[in-house]
Amino acid sequence: MTPETLHVPLAAGPARLVPITEAHREGLRAACAADTEIWPIYSTNLTGEDFDREFDGKLATGTNQLAFAVLEGDRVVGCTSWYGIEPGNRAIAIGYTYLAPSVRGSGFNFAVKAAMVRHAWALGFHRIHFDVDVRNTRSQAAIRKLGAQQEGILRRNKITWTGHVRDTVILSLLPGEESDALKAWM
């Protein structure tokens, strides 16, 4: 379970995930700008003057985040990442996910998560967790639809880019807990 085995191209249904590169910068900038209203409930901001700094962070090596560009065909429609990687505990997190409004509500998120979940299980991970701002009820609902269970809430554990001190909902997915909807994409 090295970065080389984790950070590989993945696909399910209409979704393709590829390790993020400089070539994805402008496509992701455009995708993220398609919904400027959502960013205040994200921990980081991928719009405006913050975009380039945050994108550069996704490109950085030696971090605990392995970022993907999410593609529909050849068009960048978002991003997602592995992080919180604990090979010794066989645990990993999926997050820093943003999908453009054009693919929301279409099952596209199931395809993205199915590709990642299938790969994590194939590599021997036995726990995937998701950390979500308590205010982000849309993401919480989407993660629960995967079969993930809420474990608890970390109170006042993170200061977001807006200065908001957030509470974080922790959800996890274990092998065999996948919803039928997720299994359909796997």
Protein backbone atom coordinates (compact mmCIF):
# COMPACT_ATOMS: atom_id res chain seq x y z
CA MET A 1 0.00 0.00 0.00
CA THR A 2 2.32 2.67 -1.27
CA PRO A 3 1.44 5.92 -3.00
CA GLU A 4 2.36 4.18 -6.23
CA THR A 5 -0.32 1.51 -5.67
CA LEU A 6 -2.94 3.92 -4.31
CA HIS A 7 -2.58 6.86 -6.68
CA VAL A 8 -3.41 5.14 -9.96
CA PRO A 9 -6.07 5.82 -12.59
CA LEU A 10 -9.47 4.44 -11.53
CA ALA A 11 -12.81 4.19 -13.32
CA ALA A 12 -16.41 3.11 -12.80
CA GLY A 13 -19.30 3.84 -15.14
CA PRO A 14 -18.98 7.37 -16.53
CA ALA A 15 -16.38 8.46 -13.95
CA ARG A 16 -12.64 8.43 -14.47
CA LEU A 17 -10.22 9.42 -11.73
CA VAL A 18 -6.66 10.27 -12.69
CA PRO A 19 -3.83 11.52 -10.51
CA ILE A 20 -4.07 15.29 -10.68
CA THR A 21 -1.49 17.12 -12.80
CA GLU A 22 -0.84 20.64 -13.97
CA ALA A 23 -2.86 19.82 -17.11
CA HIS A 24 -6.02 19.71 -14.95
CA ARG A 25 -5.61 23.19 -13.42
CA GLU A 26 -7.88 25.20 -15.71
CA GLY A 27 -10.50 22.47 -16.07
CA LEU A 28 -10.78 22.14 -12.29
CA ARG A 29 -10.84 25.93 -11.89
CA ALA A 30 -13.85 26.07 -14.25
CA ALA A 31 -15.61 23.14 -12.56
CA CYS A 32 -15.16 24.68 -9.11
CA ALA A 33 -16.38 28.09 -10.30
CA ALA A 34 -19.66 26.47 -11.40
CA ASP A 35 -20.91 26.57 -7.78
CA THR A 36 -19.49 29.46 -5.80
CA GLU A 37 -22.26 29.16 -3.19
CA ILE A 38 -20.99 25.82 -1.80
CA TRP A 39 -17.45 26.78 -0.80
CA PRO A 40 -18.17 28.38 2.62
CA ILE A 41 -19.02 24.91 4.02
CA TYR A 42 -15.81 23.33 2.67
CA SER A 43 -12.63 23.33 4.71
CA THR A 44 -10.65 24.80 1.80
CA ASN A 45 -11.60 27.13 -1.05
CA LEU A 46 -11.02 26.18 -4.68
CA THR A 47 -12.30 29.43 -6.14
CA GLY A 48 -11.02 32.94 -6.71
CA GLU A 49 -7.62 33.97 -5.43
CA ASP A 50 -7.35 30.85 -3.23
CA PHE A 51 -7.59 28.42 -6.15
CA ASP A 52 -3.96 28.37 -7.30
CA ARG A 53 -2.54 27.93 -3.80
CA GLU A 54 -4.94 25.07 -3.05
CA PHE A 55 -4.33 23.45 -6.44
CA ASP A 56 -0.57 23.68 -5.89
CA GLY A 57 -1.11 21.86 -2.58
CA LYS A 58 -2.87 19.04 -4.43
CA LEU A 59 0.15 18.72 -6.72
CA ALA A 60 2.65 18.67 -3.85
CA THR A 61 4.45 15.42 -3.14
CA GLY A 62 5.25 14.27 0.36
CA THR A 63 1.84 15.23 1.69
CA ASN A 64 -0.71 12.88 3.20
CA GLN A 65 -3.15 13.75 0.39
CA LEU A 66 -3.19 11.97 -2.97
CA ALA A 67 -5.45 14.03 -5.21
CA PHE A 68 -7.36 12.96 -8.32
CA ALA A 69 -8.95 14.96 -11.08
CA VAL A 70 -12.44 13.57 -11.66
CA LEU A 71 -13.37 13.34 -15.33
CA GLU A 72 -16.56 12.75 -17.26
CA GLY A 73 -15.23 11.81 -20.67
CA ASP A 74 -12.33 14.22 -21.14
CA ARG A 75 -13.92 17.05 -19.11
CA VAL A 76 -12.77 17.80 -15.56
CA VAL A 77 -15.88 17.87 -13.37
CA GLY A 78 -14.27 17.79 -9.94
CA CYS A 79 -11.65 16.38 -7.63
CA THR A 80 -11.31 13.92 -4.78
CA SER A 81 -8.47 12.56 -2.67
CA TRP A 82 -7.13 9.79 -0.53
CA TYR A 83 -5.84 11.11 2.79
CA GLY A 84 -5.41 9.94 6.37
CA ILE A 85 -3.57 6.96 4.97
CA GLU A 86 -2.70 4.41 7.66
CA PRO A 87 -1.32 1.27 5.94
CA GLY A 88 -0.43 -0.38 9.27
CA ASN A 89 -4.03 -0.06 10.43
CA ARG A 90 -5.42 -0.75 6.94
CA ALA A 91 -7.45 2.45 7.19
CA ILE A 92 -7.82 5.31 4.73
CA ALA A 93 -10.01 8.35 4.18
CA ILE A 94 -11.74 9.68 1.08
CA GLY A 95 -12.38 13.38 0.98
CA TYR A 96 -11.61 16.82 -0.36
CA THR A 97 -14.28 15.88 -2.90
CA TYR A 98 -16.02 18.41 -5.07
CA LEU A 99 -18.27 17.59 -8.02
CA ALA A 100 -19.68 20.19 -10.39
CA PRO A 101 -23.45 20.73 -10.39
CA SER A 102 -23.66 19.22 -13.89
CA VAL A 103 -22.97 15.71 -12.52
CA ARG A 104 -24.69 15.91 -9.14
CA GLY A 105 -27.82 13.85 -8.63
CA SER A 106 -27.01 11.58 -11.57
CA GLY A 107 -25.36 8.66 -9.78
CA PHE A 108 -21.97 10.04 -10.79
CA ASN A 109 -20.85 10.29 -7.15
CA PHE A 110 -21.65 6.58 -6.71
CA ALA A 111 -19.37 5.83 -9.66
CA VAL A 112 -16.53 7.93 -8.20
CA LYS A 113 -16.83 6.36 -4.77
CA ALA A 114 -17.28 2.83 -6.20
CA ALA A 115 -13.98 3.12 -8.06
CA MET A 116 -12.22 4.25 -4.89
CA VAL A 117 -13.89 1.77 -2.53
CA ARG A 118 -13.23 -1.16 -4.88
CA HIS A 119 -9.56 -0.16 -5.11
CA ALA A 120 -9.18 0.30 -1.34
CA TRP A 121 -10.65 -3.14 -0.64
CA ALA A 122 -8.46 -4.72 -3.35
CA LEU A 123 -5.38 -3.28 -1.63
CA GLY A 124 -6.40 -4.78 1.71
CA PHE A 125 -7.79 -1.72 3.49
CA HIS A 126 -10.61 -2.62 5.86
CA ARG A 127 -11.84 0.82 6.89
CA ILE A 128 -12.63 3.93 4.89
CA HIS A 129 -13.66 7.07 6.71
CA PHE A 130 -15.13 10.38 5.65
CA ASP A 131 -14.85 13.65 7.61
CA VAL A 132 -17.61 16.15 6.81
CA ASP A 133 -18.51 19.57 8.13
CA VAL A 134 -21.65 19.16 10.25
CA ARG A 135 -23.26 21.92 8.15
CA ASN A 136 -22.72 19.96 4.92
CA THR A 137 -25.88 17.89 5.07
CA ARG A 138 -25.81 17.14 1.31
CA SER A 139 -22.42 15.41 1.58
CA GLN A 140 -23.48 13.55 4.72
CA ALA A 141 -26.57 12.22 2.94
CA ALA A 142 -24.51 11.17 -0.09
CA ILE A 143 -22.01 9.32 2.10
CA ARG A 144 -24.78 7.56 4.03
CA LYS A 145 -26.23 6.38 0.69
CA LEU A 146 -22.95 4.49 0.17
CA GLY A 147 -23.70 2.47 3.31
CA ALA A 148 -21.40 4.42 5.61
CA GLN A 149 -22.30 4.68 9.28
CA GLN A 150 -21.91 7.75 11.45
CA GLU A 151 -19.38 7.20 14.22
CA GLY A 152 -19.61 10.52 15.96
CA ILE A 153 -18.90 14.23 15.87
CA LEU A 154 -15.57 15.89 16.60
CA ARG A 155 -16.51 19.18 18.22
CA ARG A 156 -14.73 22.39 17.20
CA ASN A 157 -11.87 20.44 15.65
CA LYS A 158 -11.08 22.42 12.51
CA ILE A 159 -10.86 26.04 11.46
CA THR A 160 -11.97 26.43 7.86
CA TRP A 161 -10.68 28.89 5.27
CA THR A 162 -13.47 31.32 6.28
CA GLY A 163 -12.36 31.25 9.93
CA HIS A 164 -15.39 29.19 10.96
CA VAL A 165 -14.62 26.74 13.77
CA ARG A 166 -16.37 23.64 12.57
CA ASP A 167 -17.70 20.46 14.06
CA THR A 168 -16.84 17.40 11.94
CA VAL A 169 -19.10 14.39 11.40
CA ILE A 170 -17.10 11.15 11.11
CA LEU A 171 -18.61 8.39 8.98
CA SER A 172 -17.02 5.08 8.04
CA LEU A 173 -17.52 2.22 5.64
CA LEU A 174 -16.33 -1.34 6.26
CA PRO A 175 -16.25 -4.23 3.77
CA GLY A 176 -19.71 -5.74 3.43
CA GLU A 177 -21.51 -2.54 4.46
CA GLU A 178 -21.75 -1.16 0.93
CA SER A 179 -25.28 -0.18 -0.07
CA ASP A 180 -26.91 -1.94 -3.01
CA ALA A 181 -26.67 1.35 -4.93
CA LEU A 182 -22.89 1.44 -4.40
CA LYS A 183 -22.50 -2.27 -5.22
CA ALA A 184 -24.26 -1.65 -8.54
CA TRP A 185 -21.33 0.57 -9.59
CA MET A 186 -18.65 -1.73 -8.20
